[in-house]
Amino acid sequence: MLKLIIDNTYLGQTCRFKCDLFDDITEQCSIRKTNRIDDPETLCSCKYFIPKGWSETEKNYLQNNKLEQLQDGCNLDYKLYPEEPLEESKRDDAIWYKSLCGKYGCWIINHSSKKFFAVSNLSNGFVSGKGRRVYKSPFPLHDHKAPLVIASKVAWYVNEEGYGKYVLLNNGEIVNFSN
C-alpha cells in the first residue's frame, strides 16, 4: 500500500495562506486561473497579490497605484531574508536593518536631527495622537509582520522629531501605512 506524504512546512508563503484574493470555498484565486496556488513562486510573481489582513486603505493603494511587481520567473532567494534584503530600496538615505531577535528586517530612513538617542521602555514611547505603533526610536521595536514577498519594501521611517513608524517603499518613494 502506498501512502502520500506531503511536506506542508513551505506552504506559509503561498496564495492559499497569504493572499486576500484566494477563495477558500473554491480553493482558487479569484482573479487568476492557476493550479499552482501552493507554489511560493506563484505568490512571488503575482501582480494581483494583496496581503491578508491589510486595511482597505492599503489594499486600495495596491490596486490604484500598481506597486512595482516582481516579474514571472521570480528567482529571489528567500533564505537570505532577514540577513539581507531581497531587493534594493532605490534610496540613498536607506540602510538595511536586521532585528536583534533575527526574525525580521527592514530599511531604516532617519530624517531626525538626532541620529542616535536613548530608547526608553516601549510602552512609554507611545505618543497619544501619533498612532499605536509610532514612537521615538531610531529603529523598530516591533515586527512589521509583512509577507515575505514585500518584506524588503518595508522601511522604518524616523521623522524630524525622532518619531518612527513603518512605511512601504514603492520604487524608492515613501508610502504611509494607515495607523
N, C-alpha and C. Protein backbone atom coordinates (compact mmCIF):
# COMPACT_ATOMS: atom_id res chain seq x y z
N MET A 1 0.84 -1.17 0.00
CA MET A 1 0.00 0.00 0.00
C MET A 1 0.90 1.25 0.00
N LEU A 2 0.58 2.21 -0.85
CA LEU A 2 1.32 3.46 -0.93
C LEU A 2 0.64 4.53 -0.10
N LYS A 3 1.44 5.33 0.55
CA LYS A 3 0.91 6.47 1.29
C LYS A 3 1.57 7.73 0.75
N LEU A 4 0.79 8.75 0.60
CA LEU A 4 1.29 10.02 0.13
C LEU A 4 1.63 10.88 1.33
N ILE A 5 2.87 11.30 1.38
CA ILE A 5 3.32 12.15 2.47
C ILE A 5 3.63 13.51 1.87
N ILE A 6 3.02 14.54 2.43
CA ILE A 6 3.20 15.89 1.91
C ILE A 6 3.88 16.73 2.98
N ASP A 7 4.92 17.43 2.56
CA ASP A 7 5.61 18.35 3.46
C ASP A 7 4.93 19.70 3.35
N ASN A 8 4.16 20.09 4.36
CA ASN A 8 3.42 21.35 4.34
C ASN A 8 4.19 22.50 4.98
N THR A 9 5.44 22.30 5.33
CA THR A 9 6.17 23.34 6.04
C THR A 9 6.43 24.57 5.18
N TYR A 10 6.46 24.43 3.86
CA TYR A 10 6.73 25.56 2.99
C TYR A 10 5.47 26.33 2.60
N LEU A 11 4.30 25.84 2.97
CA LEU A 11 3.05 26.41 2.50
C LEU A 11 2.72 27.79 3.07
N GLY A 12 3.46 28.23 4.06
CA GLY A 12 3.14 29.51 4.67
C GLY A 12 3.21 30.70 3.73
N GLN A 13 4.10 30.68 2.75
CA GLN A 13 4.27 31.81 1.84
C GLN A 13 3.64 31.50 0.49
N THR A 14 2.36 31.16 0.49
CA THR A 14 1.66 30.82 -0.74
C THR A 14 0.35 31.60 -0.83
N CYS A 15 -0.24 31.57 -2.00
CA CYS A 15 -1.51 32.26 -2.23
C CYS A 15 -2.57 31.81 -1.22
N ARG A 16 -2.62 30.52 -0.98
CA ARG A 16 -3.64 29.95 -0.08
C ARG A 16 -3.62 30.63 1.29
N PHE A 17 -2.46 30.91 1.82
CA PHE A 17 -2.34 31.42 3.18
C PHE A 17 -2.05 32.91 3.28
N LYS A 18 -1.57 33.55 2.22
CA LYS A 18 -1.12 34.93 2.32
C LYS A 18 -1.91 35.94 1.49
N CYS A 19 -2.69 35.49 0.49
CA CYS A 19 -3.33 36.44 -0.41
C CYS A 19 -4.82 36.59 -0.11
N ASP A 20 -5.27 37.84 -0.06
CA ASP A 20 -6.66 38.15 0.21
C ASP A 20 -7.58 37.75 -0.96
N LEU A 21 -7.02 37.56 -2.13
CA LEU A 21 -7.82 37.20 -3.31
C LEU A 21 -8.08 35.70 -3.40
N PHE A 22 -7.46 34.91 -2.53
CA PHE A 22 -7.68 33.47 -2.55
C PHE A 22 -9.06 33.15 -1.97
N ASP A 23 -9.84 32.36 -2.69
CA ASP A 23 -11.18 31.97 -2.27
C ASP A 23 -11.11 30.61 -1.58
N ASP A 24 -11.41 30.59 -0.28
CA ASP A 24 -11.33 29.34 0.49
C ASP A 24 -12.38 28.31 0.07
N ILE A 25 -13.49 28.76 -0.47
CA ILE A 25 -14.56 27.84 -0.85
C ILE A 25 -14.20 27.08 -2.12
N THR A 26 -13.79 27.82 -3.15
CA THR A 26 -13.44 27.16 -4.42
C THR A 26 -11.99 26.70 -4.43
N GLU A 27 -11.20 27.16 -3.45
CA GLU A 27 -9.77 26.88 -3.37
C GLU A 27 -9.04 27.30 -4.64
N GLN A 28 -9.39 28.51 -5.12
CA GLN A 28 -8.76 29.08 -6.30
C GLN A 28 -8.57 30.58 -6.09
N CYS A 29 -7.70 31.13 -6.90
CA CYS A 29 -7.54 32.58 -6.93
C CYS A 29 -8.79 33.16 -7.58
N SER A 30 -9.28 34.27 -7.03
CA SER A 30 -10.49 34.86 -7.59
C SER A 30 -10.22 35.64 -8.88
N ILE A 31 -8.96 35.84 -9.23
CA ILE A 31 -8.63 36.56 -10.46
C ILE A 31 -7.91 35.67 -11.47
N ARG A 32 -6.83 35.06 -11.04
CA ARG A 32 -6.04 34.22 -11.94
C ARG A 32 -6.52 32.78 -11.89
N LYS A 33 -6.56 32.16 -13.01
CA LYS A 33 -6.90 30.73 -13.08
C LYS A 33 -5.58 29.96 -13.14
N THR A 34 -5.13 29.54 -11.98
CA THR A 34 -3.89 28.78 -11.91
C THR A 34 -4.07 27.62 -10.96
N ASN A 35 -3.39 26.55 -11.23
CA ASN A 35 -3.45 25.40 -10.34
C ASN A 35 -2.20 25.34 -9.45
N ARG A 36 -1.43 26.42 -9.43
CA ARG A 36 -0.20 26.45 -8.64
C ARG A 36 -0.35 27.33 -7.40
N ILE A 37 -1.49 27.22 -6.72
CA ILE A 37 -1.76 28.09 -5.58
C ILE A 37 -0.88 27.81 -4.36
N ASP A 38 -0.30 26.62 -4.30
CA ASP A 38 0.57 26.27 -3.17
C ASP A 38 2.05 26.37 -3.52
N ASP A 39 2.35 27.07 -4.60
CA ASP A 39 3.73 27.25 -5.03
C ASP A 39 4.17 28.67 -4.64
N PRO A 40 5.20 28.80 -3.78
CA PRO A 40 5.65 30.13 -3.37
C PRO A 40 6.04 31.02 -4.55
N GLU A 41 6.52 30.45 -5.63
CA GLU A 41 6.90 31.24 -6.81
C GLU A 41 5.68 31.91 -7.45
N THR A 42 4.51 31.27 -7.35
CA THR A 42 3.30 31.88 -7.90
C THR A 42 2.97 33.14 -7.12
N LEU A 43 3.03 33.07 -5.80
CA LEU A 43 2.77 34.25 -4.97
C LEU A 43 3.80 35.33 -5.26
N CYS A 44 5.04 34.95 -5.36
CA CYS A 44 6.14 35.88 -5.58
C CYS A 44 5.98 36.65 -6.89
N SER A 45 5.44 36.03 -7.90
CA SER A 45 5.38 36.66 -9.22
C SER A 45 4.01 37.25 -9.56
N CYS A 46 3.06 37.16 -8.65
CA CYS A 46 1.70 37.61 -8.97
C CYS A 46 1.55 39.12 -8.85
N LYS A 47 1.08 39.75 -9.93
CA LYS A 47 0.90 41.20 -9.90
C LYS A 47 -0.39 41.61 -9.21
N TYR A 48 -1.24 40.66 -8.86
CA TYR A 48 -2.51 40.96 -8.20
C TYR A 48 -2.47 40.72 -6.69
N PHE A 49 -1.35 40.26 -6.16
CA PHE A 49 -1.23 39.87 -4.76
C PHE A 49 -1.65 41.00 -3.81
N ILE A 50 -2.56 40.68 -2.88
CA ILE A 50 -2.97 41.59 -1.81
C ILE A 50 -2.84 40.81 -0.50
N PRO A 51 -1.96 41.25 0.39
CA PRO A 51 -1.74 40.52 1.64
C PRO A 51 -3.00 40.45 2.50
N LYS A 52 -3.24 39.29 3.09
CA LYS A 52 -4.36 39.13 4.02
C LYS A 52 -4.12 40.00 5.23
N GLY A 53 -5.20 40.58 5.74
CA GLY A 53 -5.11 41.38 6.96
C GLY A 53 -4.79 42.84 6.73
N TRP A 54 -4.60 43.26 5.49
CA TRP A 54 -4.32 44.67 5.24
C TRP A 54 -5.61 45.47 5.31
N SER A 55 -5.49 46.74 5.67
CA SER A 55 -6.65 47.63 5.75
C SER A 55 -7.12 47.96 4.34
N GLU A 56 -8.32 48.50 4.25
CA GLU A 56 -8.86 48.89 2.94
C GLU A 56 -8.00 49.96 2.29
N THR A 57 -7.44 50.87 3.08
CA THR A 57 -6.57 51.92 2.53
C THR A 57 -5.36 51.31 1.85
N GLU A 58 -4.73 50.36 2.53
CA GLU A 58 -3.55 49.71 1.96
C GLU A 58 -3.90 48.91 0.72
N LYS A 59 -5.04 48.20 0.75
CA LYS A 59 -5.48 47.43 -0.42
C LYS A 59 -5.77 48.35 -1.59
N ASN A 60 -6.43 49.48 -1.33
CA ASN A 60 -6.73 50.43 -2.40
C ASN A 60 -5.45 50.99 -3.00
N TYR A 61 -4.45 51.25 -2.16
CA TYR A 61 -3.19 51.75 -2.69
C TYR A 61 -2.59 50.75 -3.66
N LEU A 62 -2.56 49.49 -3.25
CA LEU A 62 -2.01 48.46 -4.13
C LEU A 62 -2.75 48.40 -5.45
N GLN A 63 -4.06 48.46 -5.40
CA GLN A 63 -4.85 48.35 -6.62
C GLN A 63 -4.74 49.59 -7.49
N ASN A 64 -4.78 50.78 -6.89
CA ASN A 64 -4.80 52.02 -7.66
C ASN A 64 -3.44 52.43 -8.20
N ASN A 65 -2.39 52.19 -7.44
CA ASN A 65 -1.07 52.67 -7.84
C ASN A 65 -0.17 51.59 -8.41
N LYS A 66 -0.65 50.37 -8.45
CA LYS A 66 0.08 49.26 -9.06
C LYS A 66 1.55 49.26 -8.64
N LEU A 67 1.77 48.81 -7.41
CA LEU A 67 3.13 48.70 -6.92
C LEU A 67 4.01 47.99 -7.93
N GLU A 68 5.25 48.41 -7.99
CA GLU A 68 6.20 47.72 -8.86
C GLU A 68 6.22 46.25 -8.45
N GLN A 69 5.92 45.38 -9.36
CA GLN A 69 5.78 43.97 -9.03
C GLN A 69 6.95 43.16 -9.57
N LEU A 70 7.15 42.02 -8.96
CA LEU A 70 8.17 41.09 -9.44
C LEU A 70 7.68 40.42 -10.72
N GLN A 71 8.56 40.16 -11.62
CA GLN A 71 8.20 39.54 -12.89
C GLN A 71 8.05 38.03 -12.71
N ASP A 72 7.33 37.40 -13.66
CA ASP A 72 7.23 35.94 -13.65
C ASP A 72 8.63 35.37 -13.69
N GLY A 73 8.78 34.19 -13.11
CA GLY A 73 10.10 33.56 -13.05
C GLY A 73 10.90 34.10 -11.89
N CYS A 74 10.25 34.46 -10.83
CA CYS A 74 10.91 35.02 -9.65
C CYS A 74 12.05 34.12 -9.20
N ASN A 75 13.19 34.71 -8.98
CA ASN A 75 14.34 33.91 -8.56
C ASN A 75 14.94 34.44 -7.27
N LEU A 76 14.12 35.01 -6.41
CA LEU A 76 14.61 35.53 -5.14
C LEU A 76 14.99 34.38 -4.22
N ASP A 77 16.05 34.57 -3.47
CA ASP A 77 16.48 33.57 -2.51
C ASP A 77 15.96 33.98 -1.14
N TYR A 78 14.81 33.42 -0.76
CA TYR A 78 14.16 33.79 0.50
C TYR A 78 14.99 33.44 1.73
N LYS A 79 15.97 32.56 1.57
CA LYS A 79 16.79 32.16 2.72
C LYS A 79 17.67 33.32 3.18
N LEU A 80 17.91 34.31 2.33
CA LEU A 80 18.76 35.44 2.70
C LEU A 80 18.07 36.39 3.67
N TYR A 81 16.74 36.47 3.61
CA TYR A 81 15.99 37.38 4.47
C TYR A 81 15.90 36.79 5.87
N PRO A 82 16.07 37.52 6.93
CA PRO A 82 16.26 38.97 7.05
C PRO A 82 17.72 39.41 7.07
N GLU A 83 18.64 38.48 6.89
CA GLU A 83 20.06 38.84 6.88
C GLU A 83 20.37 39.90 5.82
N GLU A 84 19.74 39.74 4.66
CA GLU A 84 19.92 40.69 3.55
C GLU A 84 18.55 40.98 2.95
N PRO A 85 18.37 42.18 2.39
CA PRO A 85 17.09 42.46 1.72
C PRO A 85 16.97 41.66 0.43
N LEU A 86 15.75 41.36 0.03
CA LEU A 86 15.53 40.64 -1.21
C LEU A 86 15.61 41.56 -2.42
N GLU A 87 15.47 42.86 -2.18
CA GLU A 87 15.61 43.83 -3.26
C GLU A 87 16.11 45.15 -2.69
N GLU A 88 16.63 46.00 -3.55
CA GLU A 88 17.19 47.27 -3.13
C GLU A 88 16.10 48.28 -2.79
N SER A 89 16.45 49.26 -1.98
CA SER A 89 15.49 50.29 -1.56
C SER A 89 15.29 51.37 -2.61
N LYS A 90 16.26 51.55 -3.48
CA LYS A 90 16.27 52.61 -4.50
C LYS A 90 16.29 53.99 -3.86
N ARG A 91 16.96 54.07 -2.70
CA ARG A 91 17.13 55.34 -1.98
C ARG A 91 18.57 55.43 -1.49
N ASP A 92 19.12 56.64 -1.47
CA ASP A 92 20.47 56.85 -0.97
C ASP A 92 20.51 56.94 0.55
N ASP A 93 19.38 57.30 1.17
CA ASP A 93 19.37 57.52 2.62
C ASP A 93 18.84 56.32 3.41
N ALA A 94 18.73 55.16 2.79
CA ALA A 94 18.20 53.97 3.48
C ALA A 94 19.33 52.97 3.76
N ILE A 95 19.30 52.43 4.97
CA ILE A 95 20.24 51.36 5.32
C ILE A 95 19.44 50.14 5.77
N TRP A 96 19.96 48.94 5.51
CA TRP A 96 19.26 47.72 5.88
C TRP A 96 19.50 47.42 7.36
N TYR A 97 18.44 47.00 8.04
CA TYR A 97 18.49 46.69 9.48
C TYR A 97 17.90 45.31 9.70
N LYS A 98 18.60 44.48 10.47
CA LYS A 98 18.07 43.19 10.90
C LYS A 98 17.80 43.29 12.39
N SER A 99 16.60 42.87 12.80
CA SER A 99 16.21 42.98 14.21
C SER A 99 17.17 42.21 15.11
N LEU A 100 17.20 42.62 16.37
CA LEU A 100 18.07 41.95 17.33
C LEU A 100 17.69 40.48 17.52
N CYS A 101 16.38 40.19 17.39
CA CYS A 101 15.92 38.81 17.55
C CYS A 101 16.19 37.99 16.28
N GLY A 102 16.48 38.68 15.17
CA GLY A 102 16.81 37.99 13.92
C GLY A 102 15.63 37.47 13.14
N LYS A 103 14.41 37.89 13.49
CA LYS A 103 13.22 37.36 12.84
C LYS A 103 12.70 38.24 11.71
N TYR A 104 13.10 39.49 11.66
CA TYR A 104 12.61 40.38 10.61
C TYR A 104 13.67 41.43 10.29
N GLY A 105 13.51 42.07 9.15
CA GLY A 105 14.40 43.13 8.74
C GLY A 105 13.61 44.21 8.04
N CYS A 106 14.22 45.37 7.88
CA CYS A 106 13.57 46.48 7.15
C CYS A 106 14.64 47.52 6.83
N TRP A 107 14.28 48.43 5.97
CA TRP A 107 15.14 49.57 5.69
C TRP A 107 14.92 50.60 6.78
N ILE A 108 15.95 51.37 7.11
CA ILE A 108 15.81 52.48 8.05
C ILE A 108 16.12 53.76 7.30
N ILE A 109 15.18 54.71 7.41
CA ILE A 109 15.35 56.04 6.83
C ILE A 109 15.19 57.03 7.98
N ASN A 110 16.28 57.67 8.36
CA ASN A 110 16.28 58.54 9.53
C ASN A 110 16.45 60.00 9.10
N HIS A 111 15.37 60.78 9.23
CA HIS A 111 15.42 62.20 8.91
C HIS A 111 15.47 63.06 10.17
N SER A 112 15.73 62.44 11.31
CA SER A 112 15.84 63.17 12.57
C SER A 112 17.18 63.88 12.64
N SER A 113 17.20 65.03 13.33
CA SER A 113 18.48 65.72 13.53
C SER A 113 19.37 64.92 14.48
N LYS A 114 18.74 64.18 15.39
CA LYS A 114 19.49 63.30 16.29
C LYS A 114 19.52 61.91 15.66
N LYS A 115 20.68 61.48 15.20
CA LYS A 115 20.79 60.16 14.57
C LYS A 115 20.79 59.04 15.61
N PHE A 116 21.23 59.35 16.83
CA PHE A 116 21.26 58.37 17.91
C PHE A 116 20.62 59.00 19.14
N PHE A 117 19.74 58.25 19.80
CA PHE A 117 19.16 58.72 21.05
C PHE A 117 18.70 57.52 21.85
N ALA A 118 18.56 57.73 23.15
CA ALA A 118 18.17 56.64 24.05
C ALA A 118 16.74 56.22 23.77
N VAL A 119 16.54 54.93 23.78
CA VAL A 119 15.20 54.38 23.58
C VAL A 119 14.72 53.89 24.93
N SER A 120 13.65 54.52 25.43
CA SER A 120 13.10 54.10 26.72
C SER A 120 12.20 52.89 26.51
N ASN A 121 11.58 52.46 27.57
CA ASN A 121 10.64 51.35 27.53
C ASN A 121 9.62 51.57 26.41
N LEU A 122 9.33 50.54 25.66
CA LEU A 122 8.42 50.64 24.51
C LEU A 122 7.06 51.20 24.92
N SER A 123 6.54 50.76 26.05
CA SER A 123 5.22 51.22 26.46
C SER A 123 5.23 52.71 26.78
N ASN A 124 6.37 53.25 27.21
CA ASN A 124 6.47 54.68 27.49
C ASN A 124 6.74 55.49 26.23
N GLY A 125 7.11 54.82 25.15
CA GLY A 125 7.48 55.52 23.93
C GLY A 125 6.30 55.94 23.08
N PHE A 126 5.14 55.37 23.31
CA PHE A 126 3.97 55.73 22.51
C PHE A 126 3.53 57.15 22.84
N VAL A 127 3.11 57.86 21.81
CA VAL A 127 2.66 59.23 21.99
C VAL A 127 1.22 59.33 21.52
N SER A 128 0.37 59.83 22.39
CA SER A 128 -1.04 59.97 22.07
C SER A 128 -1.23 60.81 20.81
N GLY A 129 -2.08 60.33 19.91
CA GLY A 129 -2.37 61.06 18.69
C GLY A 129 -1.42 60.75 17.54
N LYS A 130 -0.33 60.08 17.81
CA LYS A 130 0.63 59.74 16.77
C LYS A 130 0.35 58.37 16.17
N GLY A 131 -0.49 57.57 16.80
CA GLY A 131 -0.77 56.23 16.30
C GLY A 131 -0.26 55.18 17.26
N ARG A 132 -0.81 54.00 17.14
CA ARG A 132 -0.50 52.94 18.08
C ARG A 132 0.95 52.44 17.94
N ARG A 133 1.49 52.46 16.76
CA ARG A 133 2.84 51.93 16.53
C ARG A 133 3.83 53.01 16.10
N VAL A 134 3.63 54.21 16.63
CA VAL A 134 4.53 55.33 16.34
C VAL A 134 5.17 55.74 17.65
N TYR A 135 6.50 55.73 17.70
CA TYR A 135 7.20 56.08 18.93
C TYR A 135 8.61 56.55 18.60
N LYS A 136 9.24 57.20 19.59
CA LYS A 136 10.60 57.71 19.40
C LYS A 136 11.58 56.54 19.48
N SER A 137 12.17 56.24 18.34
CA SER A 137 13.19 55.20 18.28
C SER A 137 13.86 55.27 16.91
N PRO A 138 15.19 55.17 16.88
CA PRO A 138 15.89 55.18 15.59
C PRO A 138 15.78 53.84 14.85
N PHE A 139 15.20 52.84 15.51
CA PHE A 139 14.99 51.53 14.88
C PHE A 139 13.70 50.94 15.43
N PRO A 140 13.07 50.02 14.69
CA PRO A 140 11.79 49.47 15.16
C PRO A 140 11.97 48.52 16.34
N LEU A 141 10.98 48.56 17.24
CA LEU A 141 10.98 47.67 18.40
C LEU A 141 9.92 46.59 18.28
N HIS A 142 9.23 46.55 17.16
CA HIS A 142 8.21 45.51 16.93
C HIS A 142 8.27 45.05 15.47
N ASP A 143 7.88 43.82 15.24
CA ASP A 143 7.90 43.20 13.92
C ASP A 143 6.82 43.82 13.04
N HIS A 144 7.15 44.10 11.79
CA HIS A 144 6.16 44.63 10.85
C HIS A 144 5.23 43.55 10.34
N LYS A 145 5.62 42.30 10.41
CA LYS A 145 4.82 41.14 10.03
C LYS A 145 4.33 41.21 8.58
N ALA A 146 5.12 41.82 7.73
CA ALA A 146 4.78 41.90 6.30
C ALA A 146 5.05 40.54 5.65
N PRO A 147 4.26 40.18 4.65
CA PRO A 147 4.53 38.94 3.92
C PRO A 147 5.93 38.99 3.31
N LEU A 148 6.56 37.85 3.21
CA LEU A 148 7.93 37.77 2.74
C LEU A 148 8.10 38.41 1.36
N VAL A 149 7.10 38.31 0.53
CA VAL A 149 7.21 38.82 -0.84
C VAL A 149 7.36 40.35 -0.87
N ILE A 150 6.92 41.07 0.17
CA ILE A 150 7.10 42.52 0.21
C ILE A 150 7.91 42.99 1.42
N ALA A 151 8.46 42.06 2.19
CA ALA A 151 9.20 42.43 3.41
C ALA A 151 10.36 43.37 3.12
N SER A 152 10.98 43.25 1.97
CA SER A 152 12.10 44.12 1.62
C SER A 152 11.66 45.48 1.10
N LYS A 153 10.37 45.73 1.07
CA LYS A 153 9.85 47.05 0.69
C LYS A 153 9.42 47.83 1.93
N VAL A 154 9.53 47.22 3.10
CA VAL A 154 9.14 47.87 4.35
C VAL A 154 10.32 48.66 4.90
N ALA A 155 10.03 49.87 5.40
CA ALA A 155 11.07 50.71 5.99
C ALA A 155 10.57 51.29 7.31
N TRP A 156 11.51 51.53 8.21
CA TRP A 156 11.23 52.24 9.45
C TRP A 156 11.63 53.69 9.19
N TYR A 157 10.64 54.58 9.13
CA TYR A 157 10.89 55.98 8.80
C TYR A 157 10.86 56.80 10.09
N VAL A 158 11.96 57.53 10.36
CA VAL A 158 12.05 58.39 11.53
C VAL A 158 11.97 59.83 11.04
N ASN A 159 10.94 60.56 11.51
CA ASN A 159 10.73 61.94 11.06
C ASN A 159 11.69 62.90 11.76
N GLU A 160 11.59 64.19 11.47
CA GLU A 160 12.48 65.21 12.01
C GLU A 160 12.43 65.28 13.54
N GLU A 161 11.28 64.95 14.13
CA GLU A 161 11.12 65.00 15.59
C GLU A 161 11.61 63.72 16.28
N GLY A 162 12.00 62.72 15.53
CA GLY A 162 12.50 61.48 16.10
C GLY A 162 11.48 60.37 16.23
N TYR A 163 10.25 60.60 15.75
CA TYR A 163 9.21 59.57 15.83
C TYR A 163 9.33 58.63 14.63
N GLY A 164 9.33 57.34 14.92
CA GLY A 164 9.45 56.35 13.87
C GLY A 164 8.16 55.59 13.65
N LYS A 165 8.00 55.10 12.42
CA LYS A 165 6.86 54.26 12.07
C LYS A 165 7.21 53.50 10.80
N TYR A 166 6.48 52.41 10.57
CA TYR A 166 6.70 51.63 9.36
C TYR A 166 6.03 52.31 8.17
N VAL A 167 6.73 52.28 7.04
CA VAL A 167 6.21 52.76 5.77
C VAL A 167 6.55 51.72 4.71
N LEU A 168 5.99 51.88 3.55
CA LEU A 168 6.27 51.00 2.43
C LEU A 168 7.05 51.79 1.39
N LEU A 169 8.04 51.16 0.77
CA LEU A 169 8.80 51.80 -0.29
C LEU A 169 8.29 51.31 -1.63
N ASN A 170 7.86 52.24 -2.47
CA ASN A 170 7.39 51.91 -3.81
C ASN A 170 8.31 52.60 -4.79
N ASN A 171 9.22 51.82 -5.36
CA ASN A 171 10.18 52.36 -6.32
C ASN A 171 10.97 53.52 -5.71
N GLY A 172 11.32 53.39 -4.43
CA GLY A 172 12.10 54.40 -3.73
C GLY A 172 11.28 55.49 -3.05
N GLU A 173 10.00 55.59 -3.35
CA GLU A 173 9.13 56.60 -2.75
C GLU A 173 8.50 56.06 -1.47
N ILE A 174 8.34 56.91 -0.46
CA ILE A 174 7.75 56.51 0.82
C ILE A 174 6.23 56.56 0.73
N VAL A 175 5.60 55.46 1.12
CA VAL A 175 4.14 55.36 1.14
C VAL A 175 3.72 55.05 2.57
N ASN A 176 2.86 55.87 3.15
CA ASN A 176 2.43 55.67 4.54
C ASN A 176 1.40 54.54 4.64
N PHE A 177 1.58 53.73 5.69
CA PHE A 177 0.54 52.76 6.06
C PHE A 177 -0.51 53.52 6.85
N SER A 178 -1.71 52.98 6.92
CA SER A 178 -2.70 53.57 7.82
C SER A 178 -2.37 53.13 9.24
N ASN A 179 -2.75 53.93 10.22
CA ASN A 179 -2.46 53.60 11.62
C ASN A 179 -3.37 52.51 12.12
